[in-house]
Amino acid sequence: MNGMASLGKWLKLALLAGAAALTAVAPHQATAGSAKPMLERGKGEQCVEDTQFMRRNHMDLLKHHRNETMRQGIRTTKHSLKGCVDCHASTKTGSVAASKDDFCAACHSYAAVKLDCWDCHATKPKKRPATLAGMPPAASETGTSPMAPALAGGKTQ
């Protein structure tokens, strides 16, 4: 009888392990058959980085850029969220996240990733006011912030 009880425990463990494995695989199977999002091509000739690289690493580039901007006062345009929005805003909505088919919203929905960028940032490109249109870009737009030395412990210009 002791052998039978032991066999019953092993059988229960095997069934539980099998159920857990099926539960873990089910969400992947649900998206595996889903069609990849069809995205509108960006407005530029090419992205600032290779497409495959951007798919895998854009979040790290944006976080790094955010940290340099917020903590060190360094503002550049190459990996800025503003640059992404300017290039990838939909011709239909003028946004990257207003519609489920817009650039950011479509991919993040497909990947089941919550977008929190728009808690602080605009989803549509901003136009420079007419009074500034003819002026050269500000230091913050060129990456030569006069505050960068002060934030790093040096003197400002």
C-alpha atoms as a PDB file:
ATOM      1  CA  MET A   1       0.000   0.000   0.000  1.00  0.00           C
ATOM      2  CA  ASN A   2       2.915   2.321   0.774  1.00  0.00           C
ATOM      3  CA  GLY A   3       4.211   1.944  -2.808  1.00  0.00           C
ATOM      4  CA  MET A   4       0.778   2.774  -4.198  1.00  0.00           C
ATOM      5  CA  ALA A   5       0.532   5.974  -2.096  1.00  0.00           C
ATOM      6  CA  SER A   6       3.993   7.011  -3.259  1.00  0.00           C
ATOM      7  CA  LEU A   7       2.994   6.400  -6.887  1.00  0.00           C
ATOM      8  CA  GLY A   8      -0.145   8.519  -6.349  1.00  0.00           C
ATOM      9  CA  LYS A   9       1.934  11.419  -5.020  1.00  0.00           C
ATOM     10  CA  TRP A  10       4.278  11.231  -8.005  1.00  0.00           C
ATOM     11  CA  LEU A  11       1.346  11.130 -10.391  1.00  0.00           C
ATOM     12  CA  LYS A  12      -0.180  14.225  -8.758  1.00  0.00           C
ATOM     13  CA  LEU A  13       3.165  16.045  -8.963  1.00  0.00           C
ATOM     14  CA  ALA A  14       3.537  15.116 -12.633  1.00  0.00           C
ATOM     15  CA  LEU A  15       0.025  16.376 -13.404  1.00  0.00           C
ATOM     16  CA  LEU A  16       0.652  19.646 -11.568  1.00  0.00           C
ATOM     17  CA  ALA A  17       3.965  20.151 -13.374  1.00  0.00           C
ATOM     18  CA  GLY A  18       2.291  19.457 -16.721  1.00  0.00           C
ATOM     19  CA  ALA A  19      -0.510  21.918 -15.974  1.00  0.00           C
ATOM     20  CA  ALA A  20       2.014  24.577 -14.940  1.00  0.00           C
ATOM     21  CA  ALA A  21       3.990  24.042 -18.149  1.00  0.00           C
ATOM     22  CA  LEU A  22       0.860  24.378 -20.292  1.00  0.00           C
ATOM     23  CA  THR A  23      -0.152  27.549 -18.486  1.00  0.00           C
ATOM     24  CA  ALA A  24       3.290  29.077 -19.039  1.00  0.00           C
ATOM     25  CA  VAL A  25       3.238  28.273 -22.774  1.00  0.00           C
ATOM     26  CA  ALA A  26      -0.340  29.350 -23.498  1.00  0.00           C
ATOM     27  CA  PRO A  27       0.245  33.148 -23.712  1.00  0.00           C
ATOM     28  CA  HIS A  28       3.110  32.656 -26.166  1.00  0.00           C
ATOM     29  CA  GLN A  29       0.988  30.417 -28.352  1.00  0.00           C
ATOM     30  CA  ALA A  30      -1.759  33.023 -28.424  1.00  0.00           C
ATOM     31  CA  THR A  31       0.581  35.643 -29.927  1.00  0.00           C
ATOM     32  CA  ALA A  32       2.685  33.278 -32.033  1.00  0.00           C
ATOM     33  CA  GLY A  33      -0.089  32.968 -34.609  1.00  0.00           C
ATOM     34  CA  SER A  34      -0.889  36.693 -34.558  1.00  0.00           C
ATOM     35  CA  ALA A  35       0.118  38.727 -37.561  1.00  0.00           C
ATOM     36  CA  LYS A  36       2.935  41.178 -36.940  1.00  0.00           C
ATOM     37  CA  PRO A  37       1.812  44.803 -37.005  1.00  0.00           C
ATOM     38  CA  MET A  38       1.905  46.568 -40.359  1.00  0.00           C
ATOM     39  CA  LEU A  39       3.714  49.845 -39.726  1.00  0.00           C
ATOM     40  CA  GLU A  40       3.803  53.004 -41.771  1.00  0.00           C
ATOM     41  CA  ARG A  41       7.329  53.761 -42.984  1.00  0.00           C
ATOM     42  CA  GLY A  42       9.153  56.577 -41.190  1.00  0.00           C
ATOM     43  CA  LYS A  43       9.555  59.948 -42.872  1.00  0.00           C
ATOM     44  CA  GLY A  44      13.361  59.910 -42.997  1.00  0.00           C
ATOM     45  CA  GLU A  45      15.580  58.110 -45.486  1.00  0.00           C
ATOM     46  CA  GLN A  46      16.765  55.697 -42.800  1.00  0.00           C
ATOM     47  CA  CYS A  47      16.550  55.248 -39.060  1.00  0.00           C
ATOM     48  CA  VAL A  48      19.335  56.475 -36.771  1.00  0.00           C
ATOM     49  CA  GLU A  49      20.225  52.793 -36.194  1.00  0.00           C
ATOM     50  CA  ASP A  50      19.635  49.484 -37.982  1.00  0.00           C
ATOM     51  CA  THR A  51      15.977  48.349 -37.845  1.00  0.00           C
ATOM     52  CA  GLN A  52      16.704  45.049 -36.074  1.00  0.00           C
ATOM     53  CA  PHE A  53      18.902  46.835 -33.541  1.00  0.00           C
ATOM     54  CA  MET A  54      16.145  49.379 -32.852  1.00  0.00           C
ATOM     55  CA  ARG A  55      13.523  46.663 -32.378  1.00  0.00           C
ATOM     56  CA  ARG A  56      15.611  45.053 -29.664  1.00  0.00           C
ATOM     57  CA  ASN A  57      17.286  48.075 -28.067  1.00  0.00           C
ATOM     58  CA  HIS A  58      15.213  51.256 -28.569  1.00  0.00           C
ATOM     59  CA  MET A  59      14.033  51.202 -24.963  1.00  0.00           C
ATOM     60  CA  ASP A  60      17.620  51.132 -23.685  1.00  0.00           C
ATOM     61  CA  LEU A  61      18.642  53.980 -26.009  1.00  0.00           C
ATOM     62  CA  LEU A  62      15.681  56.082 -24.870  1.00  0.00           C
ATOM     63  CA  LYS A  63      16.391  55.396 -21.177  1.00  0.00           C
ATOM     64  CA  HIS A  64      20.079  56.264 -21.639  1.00  0.00           C
ATOM     65  CA  HIS A  65      19.162  59.470 -23.488  1.00  0.00           C
ATOM     66  CA  ARG A  66      16.650  60.354 -20.755  1.00  0.00           C
ATOM     67  CA  ASN A  67      19.248  59.842 -18.025  1.00  0.00           C
ATOM     68  CA  GLU A  68      21.855  61.981 -19.810  1.00  0.00           C
ATOM     69  CA  THR A  69      19.288  64.731 -20.357  1.00  0.00           C
ATOM     70  CA  MET A  70      17.735  64.738 -16.896  1.00  0.00           C
ATOM     71  CA  ARG A  71      20.841  64.086 -14.791  1.00  0.00           C
ATOM     72  CA  GLN A  72      23.628  65.691 -16.796  1.00  0.00           C
ATOM     73  CA  GLY A  73      21.857  68.319 -18.896  1.00  0.00           C
ATOM     74  CA  ILE A  74      23.155  66.766 -22.111  1.00  0.00           C
ATOM     75  CA  ARG A  75      20.629  67.087 -24.922  1.00  0.00           C
ATOM     76  CA  THR A  76      21.338  65.461 -28.262  1.00  0.00           C
ATOM     77  CA  THR A  77      19.008  64.594 -31.106  1.00  0.00           C
ATOM     78  CA  LYS A  78      20.235  61.209 -32.359  1.00  0.00           C
ATOM     79  CA  HIS A  79      18.350  58.999 -29.876  1.00  0.00           C
ATOM     80  CA  SER A  80      15.779  61.496 -28.635  1.00  0.00           C
ATOM     81  CA  LEU A  81      12.144  60.523 -28.202  1.00  0.00           C
ATOM     82  CA  LYS A  82      11.235  63.757 -29.992  1.00  0.00           C
ATOM     83  CA  GLY A  83      13.177  62.591 -33.047  1.00  0.00           C
ATOM     84  CA  CYS A  84      11.357  59.250 -33.039  1.00  0.00           C
ATOM     85  CA  VAL A  85       7.960  60.962 -32.774  1.00  0.00           C
ATOM     86  CA  ASP A  86       8.823  63.458 -35.542  1.00  0.00           C
ATOM     87  CA  CYS A  87       9.778  60.631 -37.914  1.00  0.00           C
ATOM     88  CA  HIS A  88       7.200  57.979 -37.029  1.00  0.00           C
ATOM     89  CA  ALA A  89       4.010  60.008 -36.444  1.00  0.00           C
ATOM     90  CA  SER A  90       1.194  58.597 -38.576  1.00  0.00           C
ATOM     91  CA  THR A  91       0.021  60.511 -41.626  1.00  0.00           C
ATOM     92  CA  LYS A  92      -3.563  59.645 -40.592  1.00  0.00           C
ATOM     93  CA  THR A  93      -3.513  60.649 -36.910  1.00  0.00           C
ATOM     94  CA  GLY A  94      -0.347  62.753 -36.727  1.00  0.00           C
ATOM     95  CA  SER A  95       0.623  60.679 -33.674  1.00  0.00           C
ATOM     96  CA  VAL A  96       2.627  57.601 -32.698  1.00  0.00           C
ATOM     97  CA  ALA A  97       0.063  56.404 -30.152  1.00  0.00           C
ATOM     98  CA  ALA A  98      -3.388  57.939 -30.818  1.00  0.00           C
ATOM     99  CA  SER A  99      -4.660  54.871 -32.684  1.00  0.00           C
ATOM    100  CA  LYS A 100      -4.009  51.158 -32.194  1.00  0.00           C
ATOM    101  CA  ASP A 101      -2.375  51.179 -35.651  1.00  0.00           C
ATOM    102  CA  ASP A 102       0.072  54.011 -34.923  1.00  0.00           C
ATOM    103  CA  PHE A 103       3.790  53.167 -34.841  1.00  0.00           C
ATOM    104  CA  CYS A 104       4.447  52.848 -31.102  1.00  0.00           C
ATOM    105  CA  ALA A 105       0.972  51.683 -30.107  1.00  0.00           C
ATOM    106  CA  ALA A 106       0.864  48.879 -32.693  1.00  0.00           C
ATOM    107  CA  CYS A 107       4.178  47.275 -31.718  1.00  0.00           C
ATOM    108  CA  HIS A 108       3.724  47.675 -27.985  1.00  0.00           C
ATOM    109  CA  SER A 109       0.235  46.201 -28.190  1.00  0.00           C
ATOM    110  CA  TYR A 110       1.597  43.239 -30.188  1.00  0.00           C
ATOM    111  CA  ALA A 111       4.372  42.723 -27.618  1.00  0.00           C
ATOM    112  CA  ALA A 112       1.958  43.279 -24.689  1.00  0.00           C
ATOM    113  CA  VAL A 113       4.141  46.078 -23.291  1.00  0.00           C
ATOM    114  CA  LYS A 114       2.603  49.088 -21.536  1.00  0.00           C
ATOM    115  CA  LEU A 115       3.711  52.448 -22.871  1.00  0.00           C
ATOM    116  CA  ASP A 116       4.349  55.024 -20.159  1.00  0.00           C
ATOM    117  CA  CYS A 117       6.319  57.488 -22.298  1.00  0.00           C
ATOM    118  CA  TRP A 118       3.166  59.476 -22.953  1.00  0.00           C
ATOM    119  CA  ASP A 119       2.594  60.157 -19.275  1.00  0.00           C
ATOM    120  CA  CYS A 120       5.095  63.005 -19.745  1.00  0.00           C
ATOM    121  CA  HIS A 121       5.777  63.297 -23.487  1.00  0.00           C
ATOM    122  CA  ALA A 122       3.636  64.374 -26.440  1.00  0.00           C
ATOM    123  CA  THR A 123       2.591  61.712 -28.945  1.00  0.00           C
ATOM    124  CA  LYS A 124       2.527  64.243 -31.772  1.00  0.00           C
ATOM    125  CA  PRO A 125       5.425  66.250 -33.213  1.00  0.00           C
ATOM    126  CA  LYS A 126       5.590  69.847 -32.038  1.00  0.00           C
ATOM    127  CA  LYS A 127       6.023  72.612 -34.551  1.00  0.00           C
ATOM    128  CA  ARG A 128       8.317  75.488 -33.630  1.00  0.00           C
ATOM    129  CA  PRO A 129       6.370  78.709 -33.161  1.00  0.00           C
ATOM    130  CA  ALA A 130       6.508  80.995 -36.203  1.00  0.00           C
ATOM    131  CA  THR A 131       8.578  83.483 -34.195  1.00  0.00           C
ATOM    132  CA  LEU A 132      11.314  80.844 -33.761  1.00  0.00           C
ATOM    133  CA  ALA A 133      11.115  79.180 -37.170  1.00  0.00           C
ATOM    134  CA  GLY A 134      13.880  81.280 -38.735  1.00  0.00           C
ATOM    135  CA  MET A 135      16.186  81.183 -35.720  1.00  0.00           C
ATOM    136  CA  PRO A 136      19.068  78.738 -35.295  1.00  0.00           C
ATOM    137  CA  PRO A 137      18.348  75.784 -32.988  1.00  0.00           C
ATOM    138  CA  ALA A 138      18.756  76.266 -29.258  1.00  0.00           C
ATOM    139  CA  ALA A 139      21.656  74.691 -27.397  1.00  0.00           C
ATOM    140  CA  SER A 140      19.231  72.068 -26.130  1.00  0.00           C
ATOM    141  CA  GLU A 141      18.511  71.064 -29.732  1.00  0.00           C
ATOM    142  CA  THR A 142      22.173  70.804 -30.717  1.00  0.00           C
ATOM    143  CA  GLY A 143      23.477  68.923 -27.695  1.00  0.00           C
ATOM    144  CA  THR A 144      25.695  71.755 -26.446  1.00  0.00           C
ATOM    145  CA  SER A 145      23.897  72.660 -23.241  1.00  0.00           C
ATOM    146  CA  PRO A 146      25.664  75.425 -21.273  1.00  0.00           C
ATOM    147  CA  MET A 147      24.445  73.718 -18.070  1.00  0.00           C
ATOM    148  CA  ALA A 148      26.323  70.462 -18.676  1.00  0.00           C
ATOM    149  CA  PRO A 149      29.577  71.657 -17.000  1.00  0.00           C
ATOM    150  CA  ALA A 150      27.704  72.937 -13.918  1.00  0.00           C
ATOM    151  CA  LEU A 151      25.900  69.658 -13.508  1.00  0.00           C
ATOM    152  CA  ALA A 152      29.209  67.832 -13.803  1.00  0.00           C
ATOM    153  CA  GLY A 153      30.772  70.047 -11.089  1.00  0.00           C
ATOM    154  CA  GLY A 154      32.409  72.634 -13.370  1.00  0.00           C
ATOM    155  CA  LYS A 155      31.550  76.248 -14.196  1.00  0.00           C
ATOM    156  CA  THR A 156      28.889  77.369 -16.655  1.00  0.00           C
ATOM    157  CA  GLN A 157      29.707  79.496 -19.685  1.00  0.00           C
END
